[in-house]
């Protein structure tokens, strides 16, 4: 036993990666972090692991913050137009679009597991197939959810929202239907790129979109006096800019084997993919819906416009 252990330790590192003693279940891997026996060693390893983590998490956080800020910027400029306009954008952005965003974001997150497994297994060609399959399902879902946008006015009135806010929010929701289909395209794209650690590209595109969105929101909504029409045009355009920019990046060949073009395989095993997407959607969408309920409750207060406006400023 002692001789066996001595022989194992004396062997080259590459040779003892898979050696296991019959009575010792520990496997020694060359890439393992060595045991930490001092505070200095702990600090060094903590710094290395934190650096690796923030290399991925930092751009991902910035991307989410930038994309979330697009809707917030629209609400800010709507507040400069008037109280009704701010309440309109808040209700549509938080209730109608918020409901759709939460559900479709959850469904798109099913790719997070599948693409991660495919990338880890070296099956890079499946990344593009999974993304296309998710596009099919999410765009079909967007068609169904578009009826929520079309009948938003009647729905809001039915649940007791003020008539003026319901009418304006219903009209604004119809204008925002293109954003719904941008969601359907963007979420699979995001998971496709994240699985390959192409986070910096997403962060750069989102940053450019936010800057352009702020500039054109000011220009169309306030300077040219387009009001809510200008806000809808810029908001739709900004989301589709993000989608198209990511598509150009992928189609340019930068993803290698992960994107081999469109394939009919995207239509195979759709039902199994639907079940996985629905389960993921139900699991993740609830956290995006809680604020929707708060905005709806604010609409029941005595001065609904001011209440909804205040709620949107507190949590845009």
C-alpha atoms as a PDB file:
ATOM      1  CA  UNK A   1       0.000   0.000   0.000  1.00  0.00           C
ATOM      2  CA  UNK A   2       2.806   2.423   0.941  1.00  0.00           C
ATOM      3  CA  UNK A   3       4.778   1.442  -2.151  1.00  0.00           C
ATOM      4  CA  UNK A   4       1.715   2.031  -4.323  1.00  0.00           C
ATOM      5  CA  UNK A   5       1.176   5.520  -2.927  1.00  0.00           C
ATOM      6  CA  UNK A   6       4.892   6.372  -3.353  1.00  0.00           C
ATOM      7  CA  UNK A   7       4.773   5.161  -6.962  1.00  0.00           C
ATOM      8  CA  UNK A   8       1.678   7.296  -7.626  1.00  0.00           C
ATOM      9  CA  UNK A   9       3.290  10.447  -6.241  1.00  0.00           C
ATOM     10  CA  UNK A  10       6.486   9.937  -8.174  1.00  0.00           C
ATOM     11  CA  UNK A  11       4.746   9.581 -11.513  1.00  0.00           C
ATOM     12  CA  UNK A  12       4.437  12.612 -13.863  1.00  0.00           C
ATOM     13  CA  UNK A  13       1.379  14.773 -13.304  1.00  0.00           C
ATOM     14  CA  UNK A  14      -0.244  13.843 -16.605  1.00  0.00           C
ATOM     15  CA  UNK A  15       0.107  10.173 -15.846  1.00  0.00           C
ATOM     16  CA  UNK A  16      -1.508  10.155 -12.423  1.00  0.00           C
ATOM     17  CA  UNK A  17      -4.704  11.976 -13.462  1.00  0.00           C
ATOM     18  CA  UNK A  18      -6.839   8.824 -13.448  1.00  0.00           C
ATOM     19  CA  UNK A  19      -5.092   6.617 -10.884  1.00  0.00           C
ATOM     20  CA  UNK A  20      -7.377   5.336  -8.139  1.00  0.00           C
ATOM     21  CA  UNK A  21      -6.266   2.986  -5.373  1.00  0.00           C
ATOM     22  CA  UNK A  22      -8.670   0.117  -4.796  1.00  0.00           C
ATOM     23  CA  UNK A  23      -9.170   1.140  -1.171  1.00  0.00           C
ATOM     24  CA  UNK A  24      -8.925   4.883  -1.802  1.00  0.00           C
ATOM     25  CA  UNK A  25     -11.835   6.508  -3.756  1.00  0.00           C
ATOM     26  CA  UNK A  26     -10.049   9.847  -4.211  1.00  0.00           C
ATOM     27  CA  UNK A  27      -9.159  10.724  -7.810  1.00  0.00           C
ATOM     28  CA  UNK A  28      -6.269  13.135  -8.281  1.00  0.00           C
ATOM     29  CA  UNK A  29      -6.747  15.598 -11.151  1.00  0.00           C
ATOM     30  CA  UNK A  30      -3.968  17.765 -12.451  1.00  0.00           C
ATOM     31  CA  UNK A  31      -6.270  20.768 -12.847  1.00  0.00           C
ATOM     32  CA  UNK A  32      -7.597  20.687  -9.275  1.00  0.00           C
ATOM     33  CA  UNK A  33      -6.991  23.649  -6.986  1.00  0.00           C
ATOM     34  CA  UNK A  34      -4.368  22.615  -4.455  1.00  0.00           C
ATOM     35  CA  UNK A  35      -5.409  22.438  -0.794  1.00  0.00           C
ATOM     36  CA  UNK A  36      -5.557  25.897   0.816  1.00  0.00           C
ATOM     37  CA  UNK A  37      -3.510  25.856   4.016  1.00  0.00           C
ATOM     38  CA  UNK A  38      -3.065  29.603   4.657  1.00  0.00           C
ATOM     39  CA  UNK A  39      -4.983  32.847   4.440  1.00  0.00           C
ATOM     40  CA  UNK A  40      -2.629  34.057   1.733  1.00  0.00           C
ATOM     41  CA  UNK A  41      -3.430  30.994  -0.350  1.00  0.00           C
ATOM     42  CA  UNK A  42      -7.130  31.539   0.210  1.00  0.00           C
ATOM     43  CA  UNK A  43      -6.852  35.194  -0.865  1.00  0.00           C
ATOM     44  CA  UNK A  44      -4.966  34.232  -4.001  1.00  0.00           C
ATOM     45  CA  UNK A  45      -7.493  31.603  -5.046  1.00  0.00           C
ATOM     46  CA  UNK A  46     -10.419  33.890  -4.148  1.00  0.00           C
ATOM     47  CA  UNK A  47      -8.961  36.607  -6.398  1.00  0.00           C
ATOM     48  CA  UNK A  48      -8.460  34.191  -9.298  1.00  0.00           C
ATOM     49  CA  UNK A  49     -11.975  32.744  -9.096  1.00  0.00           C
ATOM     50  CA  UNK A  50     -13.584  36.167  -8.619  1.00  0.00           C
ATOM     51  CA  UNK A  51     -11.753  37.480 -11.664  1.00  0.00           C
ATOM     52  CA  UNK A  52     -13.050  34.585 -13.768  1.00  0.00           C
ATOM     53  CA  UNK A  53     -16.580  35.088 -12.441  1.00  0.00           C
ATOM     54  CA  UNK A  54     -16.741  38.827 -13.116  1.00  0.00           C
ATOM     55  CA  UNK A  55     -15.267  38.351 -16.571  1.00  0.00           C
ATOM     56  CA  UNK A  56     -18.563  36.624 -17.437  1.00  0.00           C
ATOM     57  CA  UNK A  57     -20.975  38.122 -14.908  1.00  0.00           C
ATOM     58  CA  UNK A  58     -19.977  41.764 -15.385  1.00  0.00           C
ATOM     59  CA  UNK A  59     -20.934  42.044 -19.079  1.00  0.00           C
ATOM     60  CA  UNK A  60     -24.048  39.909 -18.465  1.00  0.00           C
ATOM     61  CA  UNK A  61     -25.202  42.259 -15.701  1.00  0.00           C
ATOM     62  CA  UNK A  62     -24.497  45.273 -17.898  1.00  0.00           C
ATOM     63  CA  UNK A  63     -26.469  43.722 -20.762  1.00  0.00           C
ATOM     64  CA  UNK A  64     -29.519  43.064 -18.589  1.00  0.00           C
ATOM     65  CA  UNK A  65     -29.315  46.533 -17.052  1.00  0.00           C
ATOM     66  CA  UNK A  66     -29.056  48.216 -20.467  1.00  0.00           C
ATOM     67  CA  UNK A  67     -31.979  46.301 -21.948  1.00  0.00           C
ATOM     68  CA  UNK A  68     -34.106  46.928 -18.869  1.00  0.00           C
ATOM     69  CA  UNK A  69     -33.230  50.639 -19.011  1.00  0.00           C
ATOM     70  CA  UNK A  70     -34.669  50.932 -22.516  1.00  0.00           C
ATOM     71  CA  UNK A  71     -38.202  50.663 -21.155  1.00  0.00           C
ATOM     72  CA  UNK A  72     -37.339  52.912 -18.210  1.00  0.00           C
ATOM     73  CA  UNK A  73     -36.049  55.645 -20.536  1.00  0.00           C
ATOM     74  CA  UNK A  74     -39.305  55.512 -22.490  1.00  0.00           C
ATOM     75  CA  UNK A  75     -41.285  56.004 -19.282  1.00  0.00           C
ATOM     76  CA  UNK A  76     -39.085  58.946 -18.297  1.00  0.00           C
ATOM     77  CA  UNK A  77     -39.734  60.782 -21.549  1.00  0.00           C
ATOM     78  CA  UNK A  78     -43.435  59.878 -21.406  1.00  0.00           C
ATOM     79  CA  UNK A  79     -43.532  61.621 -18.029  1.00  0.00           C
ATOM     80  CA  UNK A  80     -42.362  64.829 -19.706  1.00  0.00           C
ATOM     81  CA  UNK A  81     -45.325  64.638 -22.074  1.00  0.00           C
ATOM     82  CA  UNK A  82     -48.028  64.371 -19.376  1.00  0.00           C
ATOM     83  CA  UNK A  83     -49.427  62.398 -16.449  1.00  0.00           C
ATOM     84  CA  UNK A  84     -51.794  60.366 -18.605  1.00  0.00           C
ATOM     85  CA  UNK A  85     -48.977  59.486 -20.990  1.00  0.00           C
ATOM     86  CA  UNK A  86     -46.769  58.330 -18.107  1.00  0.00           C
ATOM     87  CA  UNK A  87     -49.572  56.188 -16.700  1.00  0.00           C
ATOM     88  CA  UNK A  88     -50.239  54.796 -20.187  1.00  0.00           C
ATOM     89  CA  UNK A  89     -46.664  53.707 -20.786  1.00  0.00           C
ATOM     90  CA  UNK A  90     -46.376  52.381 -17.235  1.00  0.00           C
ATOM     91  CA  UNK A  91     -49.471  50.198 -17.537  1.00  0.00           C
ATOM     92  CA  UNK A  92     -48.509  48.867 -20.967  1.00  0.00           C
ATOM     93  CA  UNK A  93     -44.845  48.376 -20.076  1.00  0.00           C
ATOM     94  CA  UNK A  94     -45.480  46.798 -16.683  1.00  0.00           C
ATOM     95  CA  UNK A  95     -48.760  44.929 -17.187  1.00  0.00           C
ATOM     96  CA  UNK A  96     -49.198  44.009 -20.864  1.00  0.00           C
ATOM     97  CA  UNK A  97     -45.559  43.833 -21.982  1.00  0.00           C
ATOM     98  CA  UNK A  98     -44.477  42.733 -18.488  1.00  0.00           C
ATOM     99  CA  UNK A  99     -46.765  39.704 -18.611  1.00  0.00           C
ATOM    100  CA  UNK A 100     -45.449  38.741 -22.050  1.00  0.00           C
ATOM    101  CA  UNK A 101     -41.831  39.459 -21.124  1.00  0.00           C
ATOM    102  CA  UNK A 102     -41.999  37.248 -18.057  1.00  0.00           C
ATOM    103  CA  UNK A 103     -43.601  34.317 -19.822  1.00  0.00           C
ATOM    104  CA  UNK A 104     -41.406  34.431 -22.933  1.00  0.00           C
ATOM    105  CA  UNK A 105     -38.241  35.046 -20.948  1.00  0.00           C
ATOM    106  CA  UNK A 106     -39.002  31.929 -18.947  1.00  0.00           C
ATOM    107  CA  UNK A 107     -39.688  29.890 -22.067  1.00  0.00           C
ATOM    108  CA  UNK A 108     -36.492  31.110 -23.709  1.00  0.00           C
ATOM    109  CA  UNK A 109     -34.505  30.151 -20.623  1.00  0.00           C
ATOM    110  CA  UNK A 110     -35.035  26.486 -21.482  1.00  0.00           C
ATOM    111  CA  UNK A 111     -32.149  26.970 -23.900  1.00  0.00           C
ATOM    112  CA  UNK A 112     -29.836  27.767 -21.012  1.00  0.00           C
ATOM    113  CA  UNK A 113     -29.677  24.112 -20.005  1.00  0.00           C
ATOM    114  CA  UNK A 114     -29.783  22.612 -23.486  1.00  0.00           C
ATOM    115  CA  UNK A 115     -27.180  24.903 -25.044  1.00  0.00           C
ATOM    116  CA  UNK A 116     -24.896  24.569 -22.038  1.00  0.00           C
ATOM    117  CA  UNK A 117     -25.031  20.778 -22.224  1.00  0.00           C
ATOM    118  CA  UNK A 118     -24.491  20.753 -25.994  1.00  0.00           C
ATOM    119  CA  UNK A 119     -21.526  23.112 -25.749  1.00  0.00           C
ATOM    120  CA  UNK A 120     -19.968  21.111 -22.937  1.00  0.00           C
ATOM    121  CA  UNK A 121     -20.406  17.870 -24.885  1.00  0.00           C
ATOM    122  CA  UNK A 122     -18.805  19.361 -27.985  1.00  0.00           C
ATOM    123  CA  UNK A 123     -22.028  19.136 -30.022  1.00  0.00           C
ATOM    124  CA  UNK A 124     -21.702  22.688 -31.300  1.00  0.00           C
ATOM    125  CA  UNK A 125     -23.924  22.107 -34.310  1.00  0.00           C
ATOM    126  CA  UNK A 126     -26.885  21.539 -31.958  1.00  0.00           C
ATOM    127  CA  UNK A 127     -26.665  25.072 -30.574  1.00  0.00           C
ATOM    128  CA  UNK A 128     -28.068  26.550 -33.773  1.00  0.00           C
ATOM    129  CA  UNK A 129     -30.740  23.839 -33.985  1.00  0.00           C
ATOM    130  CA  UNK A 130     -31.892  24.510 -30.439  1.00  0.00           C
ATOM    131  CA  UNK A 131     -32.016  28.248 -31.084  1.00  0.00           C
ATOM    132  CA  UNK A 132     -34.114  27.814 -34.235  1.00  0.00           C
ATOM    133  CA  UNK A 133     -36.435  25.407 -32.418  1.00  0.00           C
ATOM    134  CA  UNK A 134     -36.924  27.992 -29.681  1.00  0.00           C
ATOM    135  CA  UNK A 135     -37.625  30.664 -32.327  1.00  0.00           C
ATOM    136  CA  UNK A 136     -40.437  28.521 -33.738  1.00  0.00           C
ATOM    137  CA  UNK A 137     -42.040  28.003 -30.330  1.00  0.00           C
ATOM    138  CA  UNK A 138     -41.606  31.560 -29.050  1.00  0.00           C
ATOM    139  CA  UNK A 139     -42.894  33.171 -32.252  1.00  0.00           C
ATOM    140  CA  UNK A 140     -45.949  30.901 -32.131  1.00  0.00           C
ATOM    141  CA  UNK A 141     -46.419  31.998 -28.520  1.00  0.00           C
ATOM    142  CA  UNK A 142     -46.057  35.630 -29.603  1.00  0.00           C
ATOM    143  CA  UNK A 143     -48.900  35.179 -32.084  1.00  0.00           C
ATOM    144  CA  UNK A 144     -51.146  33.958 -29.264  1.00  0.00           C
ATOM    145  CA  UNK A 145     -50.030  36.721 -26.899  1.00  0.00           C
ATOM    146  CA  UNK A 146     -50.701  39.358 -29.564  1.00  0.00           C
ATOM    147  CA  UNK A 147     -54.412  38.967 -28.791  1.00  0.00           C
ATOM    148  CA  UNK A 148     -53.596  40.231 -25.296  1.00  0.00           C
ATOM    149  CA  UNK A 149     -52.205  43.389 -26.925  1.00  0.00           C
ATOM    150  CA  UNK A 150     -55.124  43.768 -29.333  1.00  0.00           C
ATOM    151  CA  UNK A 151     -57.765  43.464 -26.610  1.00  0.00           C
ATOM    152  CA  UNK A 152     -55.741  45.202 -23.885  1.00  0.00           C
ATOM    153  CA  UNK A 153     -58.247  48.058 -23.561  1.00  0.00           C
ATOM    154  CA  UNK A 154     -61.206  45.743 -22.984  1.00  0.00           C
ATOM    155  CA  UNK A 155     -59.171  43.592 -20.583  1.00  0.00           C
ATOM    156  CA  UNK A 156     -58.028  46.557 -18.504  1.00  0.00           C
ATOM    157  CA  UNK A 157     -61.566  47.907 -18.268  1.00  0.00           C
ATOM    158  CA  UNK A 158     -62.851  44.475 -17.314  1.00  0.00           C
ATOM    159  CA  UNK A 159     -60.503  44.272 -14.329  1.00  0.00           C
ATOM    160  CA  UNK A 160     -61.524  47.727 -13.152  1.00  0.00           C
ATOM    161  CA  UNK A 161     -58.862  50.093 -14.460  1.00  0.00           C
ATOM    162  CA  UNK A 162     -59.908  53.723 -15.213  1.00  0.00           C
ATOM    163  CA  UNK A 163     -61.407  54.248 -18.664  1.00  0.00           C
ATOM    164  CA  UNK A 164     -58.957  56.944 -19.784  1.00  0.00           C
ATOM    165  CA  UNK A 165     -55.888  54.917 -18.816  1.00  0.00           C
ATOM    166  CA  UNK A 166     -57.370  51.718 -20.292  1.00  0.00           C
ATOM    167  CA  UNK A 167     -58.131  53.383 -23.617  1.00  0.00           C
ATOM    168  CA  UNK A 168     -54.708  55.020 -23.957  1.00  0.00           C
ATOM    169  CA  UNK A 169     -52.828  51.918 -22.767  1.00  0.00           C
ATOM    170  CA  UNK A 170     -54.843  49.729 -25.146  1.00  0.00           C
ATOM    171  CA  UNK A 171     -53.903  51.908 -28.098  1.00  0.00           C
ATOM    172  CA  UNK A 172     -50.262  52.002 -27.044  1.00  0.00           C
ATOM    173  CA  UNK A 173     -50.247  48.200 -26.624  1.00  0.00           C
ATOM    174  CA  UNK A 174     -51.336  47.717 -30.240  1.00  0.00           C
ATOM    175  CA  UNK A 175     -48.444  49.904 -31.366  1.00  0.00           C
ATOM    176  CA  UNK A 176     -46.059  47.753 -29.295  1.00  0.00           C
ATOM    177  CA  UNK A 177     -46.868  44.402 -30.931  1.00  0.00           C
ATOM    178  CA  UNK A 178     -43.549  44.445 -32.884  1.00  0.00           C
ATOM    179  CA  UNK A 179     -41.724  44.473 -29.542  1.00  0.00           C
ATOM    180  CA  UNK A 180     -43.458  41.201 -28.659  1.00  0.00           C
ATOM    181  CA  UNK A 181     -41.904  39.438 -31.640  1.00  0.00           C
ATOM    182  CA  UNK A 182     -38.545  41.030 -30.832  1.00  0.00           C
ATOM    183  CA  UNK A 183     -38.775  39.282 -27.455  1.00  0.00           C
ATOM    184  CA  UNK A 184     -39.401  35.996 -29.270  1.00  0.00           C
ATOM    185  CA  UNK A 185     -36.219  36.423 -31.282  1.00  0.00           C
ATOM    186  CA  UNK A 186     -34.000  37.981 -28.629  1.00  0.00           C
ATOM    187  CA  UNK A 187     -34.266  35.501 -25.764  1.00  0.00           C
ATOM    188  CA  UNK A 188     -33.056  32.458 -27.777  1.00  0.00           C
ATOM    189  CA  UNK A 189     -30.301  34.613 -29.278  1.00  0.00           C
ATOM    190  CA  UNK A 190     -29.144  35.625 -25.809  1.00  0.00           C
ATOM    191  CA  UNK A 191     -28.937  32.035 -24.544  1.00  0.00           C
ATOM    192  CA  UNK A 192     -27.195  30.940 -27.749  1.00  0.00           C
ATOM    193  CA  UNK A 193     -24.463  33.551 -27.302  1.00  0.00           C
ATOM    194  CA  UNK A 194     -24.179  33.125 -23.537  1.00  0.00           C
ATOM    195  CA  UNK A 195     -23.513  29.413 -23.852  1.00  0.00           C
ATOM    196  CA  UNK A 196     -20.431  30.296 -25.936  1.00  0.00           C
ATOM    197  CA  UNK A 197     -19.320  33.026 -23.487  1.00  0.00           C
ATOM    198  CA  UNK A 198     -19.815  35.703 -26.144  1.00  0.00           C
ATOM    199  CA  UNK A 199     -21.000  38.161 -23.511  1.00  0.00           C
ATOM    200  CA  UNK A 200     -18.978  41.205 -24.527  1.00  0.00           C
ATOM    201  CA  UNK A 201     -20.706  41.341 -27.910  1.00  0.00           C
ATOM    202  CA  UNK A 202     -24.136  41.378 -26.254  1.00  0.00           C
ATOM    203  CA  UNK A 203     -22.997  44.088 -23.836  1.00  0.00           C
ATOM    204  CA  UNK A 204     -21.653  46.275 -26.653  1.00  0.00           C
ATOM    205  CA  UNK A 205     -24.835  45.934 -28.723  1.00  0.00           C
ATOM    206  CA  UNK A 206     -27.038  46.701 -25.707  1.00  0.00           C
ATOM    207  CA  UNK A 207     -24.950  49.761 -24.832  1.00  0.00           C
ATOM    208  CA  UNK A 208     -25.239  51.164 -28.353  1.00  0.00           C
ATOM    209  CA  UNK A 209     -28.980  50.445 -28.359  1.00  0.00           C
ATOM    210  CA  UNK A 210     -29.463  52.281 -25.052  1.00  0.00           C
ATOM    211  CA  UNK A 211     -27.550  55.363 -26.213  1.00  0.00           C
ATOM    212  CA  UNK A 212     -29.435  55.527 -29.522  1.00  0.00           C
ATOM    213  CA  UNK A 213     -32.727  54.867 -27.768  1.00  0.00           C
ATOM    214  CA  UNK A 214     -32.193  57.768 -25.370  1.00  0.00           C
ATOM    215  CA  UNK A 215     -31.222  60.130 -28.181  1.00  0.00           C
ATOM    216  CA  UNK A 216     -34.115  59.268 -30.486  1.00  0.00           C
ATOM    217  CA  UNK A 217     -36.628  59.134 -27.637  1.00  0.00           C
ATOM    218  CA  UNK A 218     -35.788  62.744 -26.838  1.00  0.00           C
ATOM    219  CA  UNK A 219     -35.880  63.686 -30.519  1.00  0.00           C
ATOM    220  CA  UNK A 220     -39.179  62.066 -31.492  1.00  0.00           C
ATOM    221  CA  UNK A 221     -41.103  62.205 -28.218  1.00  0.00           C
ATOM    222  CA  UNK A 222     -40.237  65.741 -27.100  1.00  0.00           C
ATOM    223  CA  UNK A 223     -38.367  67.703 -29.754  1.00  0.00           C
ATOM    224  CA  UNK A 224     -40.588  66.767 -32.716  1.00  0.00           C
ATOM    225  CA  UNK A 225     -43.688  66.437 -30.546  1.00  0.00           C
ATOM    226  CA  UNK A 226     -44.701  62.938 -31.613  1.00  0.00           C
ATOM    227  CA  UNK A 227     -45.655  61.993 -28.054  1.00  0.00           C
ATOM    228  CA  UNK A 228     -46.609  58.362 -27.474  1.00  0.00           C
ATOM    229  CA  UNK A 229     -46.360  57.584 -31.183  1.00  0.00           C
ATOM    230  CA  UNK A 230     -42.694  58.579 -31.115  1.00  0.00           C
ATOM    231  CA  UNK A 231     -42.145  56.585 -27.919  1.00  0.00           C
ATOM    232  CA  UNK A 232     -43.636  53.458 -29.519  1.00  0.00           C
ATOM    233  CA  UNK A 233     -41.613  53.859 -32.719  1.00  0.00           C
ATOM    234  CA  UNK A 234     -38.320  54.255 -30.856  1.00  0.00           C
ATOM    235  CA  UNK A 235     -39.033  51.462 -28.368  1.00  0.00           C
ATOM    236  CA  UNK A 236     -39.879  48.970 -31.125  1.00  0.00           C
ATOM    237  CA  UNK A 237     -36.895  50.044 -33.194  1.00  0.00           C
ATOM    238  CA  UNK A 238     -34.476  49.734 -30.274  1.00  0.00           C
ATOM    239  CA  UNK A 239     -35.476  46.150 -29.503  1.00  0.00           C
ATOM    240  CA  UNK A 240     -35.287  45.155 -33.153  1.00  0.00           C
ATOM    241  CA  UNK A 241     -31.894  46.841 -33.429  1.00  0.00           C
ATOM    242  CA  UNK A 242     -30.632  44.515 -30.670  1.00  0.00           C
ATOM    243  CA  UNK A 243     -32.073  41.483 -32.464  1.00  0.00           C
ATOM    244  CA  UNK A 244     -30.748  42.385 -35.910  1.00  0.00           C
ATOM    245  CA  UNK A 245     -27.288  43.327 -34.620  1.00  0.00           C
ATOM    246  CA  UNK A 246     -26.957  39.947 -32.897  1.00  0.00           C
ATOM    247  CA  UNK A 247     -28.168  38.155 -36.020  1.00  0.00           C
ATOM    248  CA  UNK A 248     -25.588  39.963 -38.157  1.00  0.00           C
ATOM    249  CA  UNK A 249     -22.879  38.941 -35.703  1.00  0.00           C
ATOM    250  CA  UNK A 250     -23.963  35.291 -35.798  1.00  0.00           C
ATOM    251  CA  UNK A 251     -24.508  35.126 -39.560  1.00  0.00           C
ATOM    252  CA  UNK A 252     -21.068  36.634 -40.206  1.00  0.00           C
ATOM    253  CA  UNK A 253     -19.463  33.317 -39.240  1.00  0.00           C
ATOM    254  CA  UNK A 254     -18.061  34.310 -35.859  1.00  0.00           C
ATOM    255  CA  UNK A 255     -19.743  31.367 -34.089  1.00  0.00           C
ATOM    256  CA  UNK A 256     -18.086  28.655 -36.184  1.00  0.00           C
ATOM    257  CA  UNK A 257     -19.835  25.279 -36.055  1.00  0.00           C
ATOM    258  CA  UNK A 258     -22.463  26.606 -33.661  1.00  0.00           C
ATOM    259  CA  UNK A 259     -24.272  28.231 -36.595  1.00  0.00           C
ATOM    260  CA  UNK A 260     -24.427  26.169 -39.779  1.00  0.00           C
ATOM    261  CA  UNK A 261     -27.478  27.851 -41.280  1.00  0.00           C
ATOM    262  CA  UNK A 262     -31.196  27.173 -41.102  1.00  0.00           C
ATOM    263  CA  UNK A 263     -32.245  23.552 -40.833  1.00  0.00           C
ATOM    264  CA  UNK A 264     -35.449  21.526 -40.920  1.00  0.00           C
ATOM    265  CA  UNK A 265     -34.227  19.794 -37.772  1.00  0.00           C
ATOM    266  CA  UNK A 266     -35.626  22.792 -35.905  1.00  0.00           C
ATOM    267  CA  UNK A 267     -39.103  21.307 -36.427  1.00  0.00           C
ATOM    268  CA  UNK A 268     -38.199  17.905 -34.974  1.00  0.00           C
ATOM    269  CA  UNK A 269     -39.311  16.950 -31.429  1.00  0.00           C
ATOM    270  CA  UNK A 270     -41.194  20.202 -31.050  1.00  0.00           C
ATOM    271  CA  UNK A 271     -43.656  18.873 -28.483  1.00  0.00           C
ATOM    272  CA  UNK A 272     -40.915  17.784 -26.086  1.00  0.00           C
ATOM    273  CA  UNK A 273     -39.319  21.193 -26.497  1.00  0.00           C
ATOM    274  CA  UNK A 274     -42.676  22.885 -25.856  1.00  0.00           C
ATOM    275  CA  UNK A 275     -43.107  20.985 -22.582  1.00  0.00           C
ATOM    276  CA  UNK A 276     -39.625  21.954 -21.444  1.00  0.00           C
ATOM    277  CA  UNK A 277     -40.182  25.588 -22.424  1.00  0.00           C
ATOM    278  CA  UNK A 278     -43.554  25.747 -20.670  1.00  0.00           C
ATOM    279  CA  UNK A 279     -42.094  24.318 -17.474  1.00  0.00           C
ATOM    280  CA  UNK A 280     -39.257  26.823 -17.599  1.00  0.00           C
ATOM    281  CA  UNK A 281     -41.684  29.659 -18.340  1.00  0.00           C
ATOM    282  CA  UNK A 282     -43.914  28.879 -15.375  1.00  0.00           C
ATOM    283  CA  UNK A 283     -40.907  28.566 -13.096  1.00  0.00           C
ATOM    284  CA  UNK A 284     -39.274  31.884 -14.001  1.00  0.00           C
ATOM    285  CA  UNK A 285     -42.115  34.183 -15.024  1.00  0.00           C
ATOM    286  CA  UNK A 286     -43.563  34.705 -11.539  1.00  0.00           C
ATOM    287  CA  UNK A 287     -40.680  36.935 -10.494  1.00  0.00           C
ATOM    288  CA  UNK A 288     -41.439  39.225 -13.458  1.00  0.00           C
ATOM    289  CA  UNK A 289     -45.159  39.401 -12.682  1.00  0.00           C
ATOM    290  CA  UNK A 290     -45.160  40.638  -9.100  1.00  0.00           C
ATOM    291  CA  UNK A 291     -44.771  44.284 -10.130  1.00  0.00           C
ATOM    292  CA  UNK A 292     -47.590  43.909 -12.634  1.00  0.00           C
ATOM    293  CA  UNK A 293     -49.939  43.263  -9.721  1.00  0.00           C
ATOM    294  CA  UNK A 294     -48.703  46.390  -7.899  1.00  0.00           C
ATOM    295  CA  UNK A 295     -49.426  48.606 -10.916  1.00  0.00           C
ATOM    296  CA  UNK A 296     -52.901  47.095 -11.251  1.00  0.00           C
ATOM    297  CA  UNK A 297     -53.643  47.743  -7.577  1.00  0.00           C
ATOM    298  CA  UNK A 298     -52.434  51.339  -7.964  1.00  0.00           C
ATOM    299  CA  UNK A 299     -55.057  51.780 -10.681  1.00  0.00           C
ATOM    300  CA  UNK A 300     -57.788  51.066  -8.137  1.00  0.00           C
ATOM    301  CA  UNK A 301     -56.827  54.000  -5.899  1.00  0.00           C
ATOM    302  CA  UNK A 302     -58.748  57.260  -5.809  1.00  0.00           C
ATOM    303  CA  UNK A 303     -56.409  59.308  -8.016  1.00  0.00           C
ATOM    304  CA  UNK A 304     -55.369  56.570 -10.422  1.00  0.00           C
ATOM    305  CA  UNK A 305     -53.153  58.666 -12.712  1.00  0.00           C
ATOM    306  CA  UNK A 306     -50.994  59.981  -9.886  1.00  0.00           C
ATOM    307  CA  UNK A 307     -50.862  56.577  -8.169  1.00  0.00           C
ATOM    308  CA  UNK A 308     -49.778  54.724 -11.288  1.00  0.00           C
ATOM    309  CA  UNK A 309     -47.294  57.485 -12.145  1.00  0.00           C
ATOM    310  CA  UNK A 310     -45.789  57.321  -8.684  1.00  0.00           C
ATOM    311  CA  UNK A 311     -45.516  53.541  -8.865  1.00  0.00           C
ATOM    312  CA  UNK A 312     -43.771  53.716 -12.238  1.00  0.00           C
ATOM    313  CA  UNK A 313     -41.261  56.304 -10.989  1.00  0.00           C
ATOM    314  CA  UNK A 314     -40.475  54.211  -7.931  1.00  0.00           C
ATOM    315  CA  UNK A 315     -40.012  51.049 -10.015  1.00  0.00           C
ATOM    316  CA  UNK A 316     -39.850  51.864 -13.762  1.00  0.00           C
END
